[in-house]
N, C-alpha and C. Protein backbone atom coordinates (compact mmCIF):
# COMPACT_ATOMS: atom_id res chain seq x y z
N MET A 1 -30.83 5.25 -21.22
CA MET A 1 -30.12 4.32 -20.42
C MET A 1 -31.39 4.10 -19.13
N ASN A 2 -31.57 2.72 -18.70
CA ASN A 2 -32.24 2.62 -17.47
C ASN A 2 -31.66 2.32 -16.74
N PRO A 3 -31.36 3.17 -15.58
CA PRO A 3 -30.86 3.12 -14.18
C PRO A 3 -30.75 1.55 -13.40
N VAL A 4 -31.94 0.81 -13.55
CA VAL A 4 -32.39 -0.23 -13.06
C VAL A 4 -31.26 -1.55 -13.19
N LYS A 5 -31.11 -1.22 -14.77
CA LYS A 5 -30.50 -2.64 -15.28
C LYS A 5 -28.59 -2.04 -15.56
N ASP A 6 -28.37 -0.73 -15.55
CA ASP A 6 -27.29 -0.40 -15.44
C ASP A 6 -26.49 -1.03 -14.32
N ARG A 7 -25.30 -1.65 -14.51
CA ARG A 7 -24.04 -2.37 -13.79
C ARG A 7 -23.07 -1.20 -13.31
N PHE A 8 -22.83 -0.90 -12.29
CA PHE A 8 -21.79 -0.14 -12.21
C PHE A 8 -20.46 -0.90 -11.93
N TYR A 9 -19.27 -0.15 -12.28
CA TYR A 9 -17.79 -0.64 -11.90
C TYR A 9 -17.43 0.21 -10.84
N TYR A 10 -16.81 -0.23 -10.00
CA TYR A 10 -16.28 0.89 -9.15
C TYR A 10 -14.57 0.70 -8.89
N VAL A 11 -14.00 1.68 -8.77
CA VAL A 11 -12.47 1.87 -8.58
C VAL A 11 -12.44 2.32 -7.39
N TYR A 12 -11.65 1.60 -6.34
CA TYR A 12 -11.55 2.08 -4.89
C TYR A 12 -10.17 2.02 -4.24
N ILE A 13 -9.79 2.57 -3.27
CA ILE A 13 -8.56 2.84 -2.66
C ILE A 13 -8.84 2.25 -1.18
N LEU A 14 -8.37 1.53 -0.58
CA LEU A 14 -8.30 1.06 0.95
C LEU A 14 -7.12 1.63 1.56
N GLN A 15 -7.27 1.62 2.71
CA GLN A 15 -6.00 1.94 3.48
C GLN A 15 -5.84 1.07 4.49
N SER A 16 -4.70 0.35 4.94
CA SER A 16 -4.87 -0.76 5.83
C SER A 16 -4.50 0.04 7.36
N LEU A 17 -5.23 -0.12 8.36
CA LEU A 17 -5.28 0.45 9.35
C LEU A 17 -4.03 -0.56 10.27
N LYS A 18 -3.48 -1.09 9.76
CA LYS A 18 -2.37 -2.13 10.46
C LYS A 18 -1.18 -1.40 9.86
N ASN A 19 -0.71 -0.93 8.71
CA ASN A 19 0.37 -0.28 8.36
C ASN A 19 0.18 1.05 7.56
N SER A 20 -0.86 1.45 7.34
CA SER A 20 -1.18 2.65 6.48
C SER A 20 -1.12 2.90 5.11
N LYS A 21 -0.69 1.55 4.47
CA LYS A 21 -0.44 1.16 3.05
C LYS A 21 -2.09 1.55 2.44
N TRP A 22 -1.84 2.16 1.02
CA TRP A 22 -2.68 2.05 0.09
C TRP A 22 -3.08 0.97 -0.49
N TYR A 23 -4.19 0.28 -0.83
CA TYR A 23 -4.45 -0.65 -2.20
C TYR A 23 -5.27 -0.22 -3.00
N THR A 24 -5.24 -0.41 -4.21
CA THR A 24 -6.10 0.21 -5.26
C THR A 24 -6.71 -1.20 -5.93
N GLY A 25 -7.84 -1.27 -6.73
CA GLY A 25 -8.61 -2.22 -7.08
C GLY A 25 -9.87 -1.51 -7.88
N TYR A 26 -10.33 -2.59 -8.52
CA TYR A 26 -11.74 -1.98 -9.03
C TYR A 26 -12.52 -3.28 -9.01
N THR A 27 -13.72 -2.94 -9.10
CA THR A 27 -14.71 -4.44 -8.86
C THR A 27 -16.29 -4.22 -9.39
N ASN A 28 -17.21 -4.74 -9.53
CA ASN A 28 -18.64 -4.42 -10.16
C ASN A 28 -19.36 -4.64 -8.63
N ASP A 29 -18.65 -5.06 -7.86
CA ASP A 29 -19.62 -5.29 -6.57
C ASP A 29 -18.80 -4.68 -5.27
N LEU A 30 -18.91 -3.35 -5.21
CA LEU A 30 -18.02 -2.79 -3.87
C LEU A 30 -18.04 -3.25 -2.20
N ARG A 31 -19.44 -3.52 -2.16
CA ARG A 31 -19.46 -4.13 -0.77
C ARG A 31 -18.91 -5.64 -0.65
N LYS A 32 -19.01 -6.26 -1.50
CA LYS A 32 -18.75 -7.90 -1.53
C LYS A 32 -17.32 -7.80 -1.70
N ARG A 33 -16.57 -6.90 -2.35
CA ARG A 33 -15.23 -6.73 -2.57
C ARG A 33 -14.49 -6.46 -1.20
N PHE A 34 -15.12 -5.18 -0.60
CA PHE A 34 -14.66 -4.80 0.85
C PHE A 34 -14.75 -5.90 1.74
N ASN A 35 -15.53 -6.58 1.83
CA ASN A 35 -15.88 -7.81 2.63
C ASN A 35 -14.76 -8.72 2.52
N GLN A 36 -14.52 -8.98 1.16
CA GLN A 36 -13.41 -9.94 1.01
C GLN A 36 -12.07 -9.61 1.54
N HIS A 37 -11.87 -8.52 1.51
CA HIS A 37 -10.47 -7.65 1.63
C HIS A 37 -10.55 -7.97 3.32
N GLN A 38 -11.45 -7.51 4.04
CA GLN A 38 -11.55 -7.52 5.67
C GLN A 38 -11.56 -9.00 6.28
N GLN A 39 -12.06 -10.04 5.18
CA GLN A 39 -11.98 -11.11 5.66
C GLN A 39 -10.63 -12.14 5.55
N ASN A 40 -9.96 -11.48 5.12
CA ASN A 40 -8.52 -12.19 4.27
C ASN A 40 -8.74 -12.92 3.08
N ASN A 41 -9.52 -12.93 2.28
CA ASN A 41 -10.06 -13.44 1.11
C ASN A 41 -9.48 -12.87 -0.13
N SER A 42 -8.63 -12.29 -0.07
CA SER A 42 -7.88 -11.35 -1.33
C SER A 42 -6.55 -11.59 -1.12
N THR A 43 -5.67 -12.38 -2.33
CA THR A 43 -4.60 -12.79 -2.52
C THR A 43 -3.56 -11.49 -1.61
N TYR A 44 -3.97 -10.48 -2.56
CA TYR A 44 -2.99 -9.31 -2.47
C TYR A 44 -2.77 -8.16 -1.08
N THR A 45 -3.97 -8.29 -0.34
CA THR A 45 -4.03 -7.75 0.76
C THR A 45 -4.35 -8.60 1.99
N LYS A 46 -3.94 -9.87 1.67
CA LYS A 46 -4.20 -10.97 3.07
C LYS A 46 -3.08 -10.77 4.31
N GLY A 47 -3.87 -10.55 5.15
CA GLY A 47 -3.08 -10.13 6.52
C GLY A 47 -2.63 -8.77 6.70
N ARG A 48 -3.06 -7.98 5.96
CA ARG A 48 -2.90 -6.65 5.92
C ARG A 48 -3.83 -5.64 6.50
N GLY A 49 -4.82 -6.20 6.81
CA GLY A 49 -6.36 -5.72 7.05
C GLY A 49 -6.02 -5.57 8.87
N PRO A 50 -7.35 -4.92 9.45
CA PRO A 50 -8.39 -4.17 8.91
C PRO A 50 -8.31 -3.34 8.12
N PHE A 51 -8.88 -2.66 6.80
CA PHE A 51 -9.04 -1.65 6.12
C PHE A 51 -10.06 -0.77 6.22
N LYS A 52 -10.06 0.66 5.80
CA LYS A 52 -10.96 1.59 5.78
C LYS A 52 -11.00 2.05 4.52
N LEU A 53 -12.21 2.07 3.66
CA LEU A 53 -12.43 2.73 2.46
C LEU A 53 -12.18 4.17 2.46
N ILE A 54 -11.29 4.50 1.38
CA ILE A 54 -10.81 6.08 1.87
C ILE A 54 -11.27 6.90 0.36
N TYR A 55 -11.46 6.00 -0.83
CA TYR A 55 -12.15 6.60 -1.93
C TYR A 55 -12.59 5.66 -2.90
N TYR A 56 -13.64 5.82 -3.60
CA TYR A 56 -14.27 5.17 -4.56
C TYR A 56 -14.85 6.09 -5.68
N GLU A 57 -14.99 5.74 -6.62
CA GLU A 57 -15.67 6.26 -8.03
C GLU A 57 -16.35 5.32 -8.54
N ALA A 58 -17.65 5.64 -9.29
CA ALA A 58 -18.46 4.67 -9.80
C ALA A 58 -18.29 5.07 -11.43
N SER A 59 -18.24 4.00 -12.36
CA SER A 59 -18.24 4.06 -13.92
C SER A 59 -19.60 2.93 -14.22
N LEU A 60 -19.72 3.35 -15.59
CA LEU A 60 -20.96 2.74 -16.27
C LEU A 60 -20.25 1.66 -16.94
N ARG A 61 -19.01 1.58 -17.65
CA ARG A 61 -18.14 1.06 -18.22
C ARG A 61 -17.05 0.11 -17.59
N GLU A 62 -16.80 -0.80 -17.75
CA GLU A 62 -15.65 -1.37 -16.93
C GLU A 62 -14.33 -1.21 -17.55
N GLU A 63 -14.47 -0.91 -18.84
CA GLU A 63 -12.90 -0.24 -19.42
C GLU A 63 -12.62 0.97 -18.63
N ASP A 64 -13.54 1.92 -18.23
CA ASP A 64 -13.34 3.20 -17.66
C ASP A 64 -12.78 3.13 -16.43
N ALA A 65 -13.14 2.03 -15.56
CA ALA A 65 -12.66 1.50 -14.02
C ALA A 65 -11.38 1.07 -14.34
N ARG A 66 -11.07 0.31 -14.86
CA ARG A 66 -9.72 -0.39 -15.11
C ARG A 66 -8.91 0.86 -15.60
N ALA A 67 -9.31 1.84 -16.54
CA ALA A 67 -7.91 2.81 -16.93
C ALA A 67 -8.18 3.83 -15.45
N LYS A 68 -9.24 4.00 -14.91
CA LYS A 68 -8.92 4.74 -13.70
C LYS A 68 -7.77 4.33 -12.82
N GLU A 69 -8.10 2.85 -12.39
CA GLU A 69 -7.37 2.20 -11.59
C GLU A 69 -5.89 2.27 -11.97
N LYS A 70 -5.67 1.97 -13.46
CA LYS A 70 -4.14 2.13 -13.91
C LYS A 70 -3.57 3.34 -13.26
N TYR A 71 -4.61 4.58 -13.78
CA TYR A 71 -4.15 5.87 -13.46
C TYR A 71 -3.85 5.96 -12.03
N LEU A 72 -4.53 5.68 -11.22
CA LEU A 72 -4.37 5.87 -9.77
C LEU A 72 -3.35 5.26 -8.90
N LYS A 73 -2.72 4.03 -9.77
CA LYS A 73 -1.76 3.30 -9.58
C LYS A 73 -0.38 4.08 -9.94
N SER A 74 -0.38 5.13 -10.95
CA SER A 74 0.66 5.61 -11.65
C SER A 74 1.12 6.87 -10.86
N GLY A 75 2.23 7.14 -11.23
CA GLY A 75 2.62 8.48 -9.97
C GLY A 75 1.68 9.64 -10.10
N MET A 76 1.51 10.05 -11.56
CA MET A 76 0.49 11.31 -11.19
C MET A 76 -0.79 10.88 -10.58
N GLY A 77 -1.34 9.57 -10.36
CA GLY A 77 -2.54 9.36 -9.85
C GLY A 77 -2.42 9.52 -8.26
N LYS A 78 -1.13 8.92 -8.13
CA LYS A 78 -0.86 8.81 -6.54
C LYS A 78 -1.07 10.46 -5.80
N ARG A 79 -0.05 11.27 -6.92
CA ARG A 79 0.07 12.99 -6.61
C ARG A 79 -1.55 13.30 -6.58
N PHE A 80 -2.24 12.98 -7.40
CA PHE A 80 -3.66 13.34 -7.44
C PHE A 80 -4.53 13.10 -6.08
N LEU A 81 -4.20 11.90 -5.62
CA LEU A 81 -5.12 11.34 -4.60
C LEU A 81 -4.80 12.07 -3.24
N LYS A 82 -2.89 12.46 -2.93
CA LYS A 82 -2.72 13.02 -1.80
C LYS A 82 -3.10 14.33 -1.75
N LYS A 83 -3.53 15.08 -2.86
CA LYS A 83 -4.14 16.23 -2.68
C LYS A 83 -5.54 16.39 -2.31
């Protein structure tokens, strides 16, 4: 593996500073996606910001990031995060 050519995929959790709710997603550009959320350019979080990033995890495979996002949205995943 060449670390320069490898692309990472991130699963992340944002917390709204407005209502304290958590929002989970995945992306291949965490900084860009975070800025989109902050600037109300995301359908699911529009009007719910500002946000703080409370968790993220990097994966080399998009499938792994999507699977982790699905897990974190499940009941078991939410319990894992609260611990």
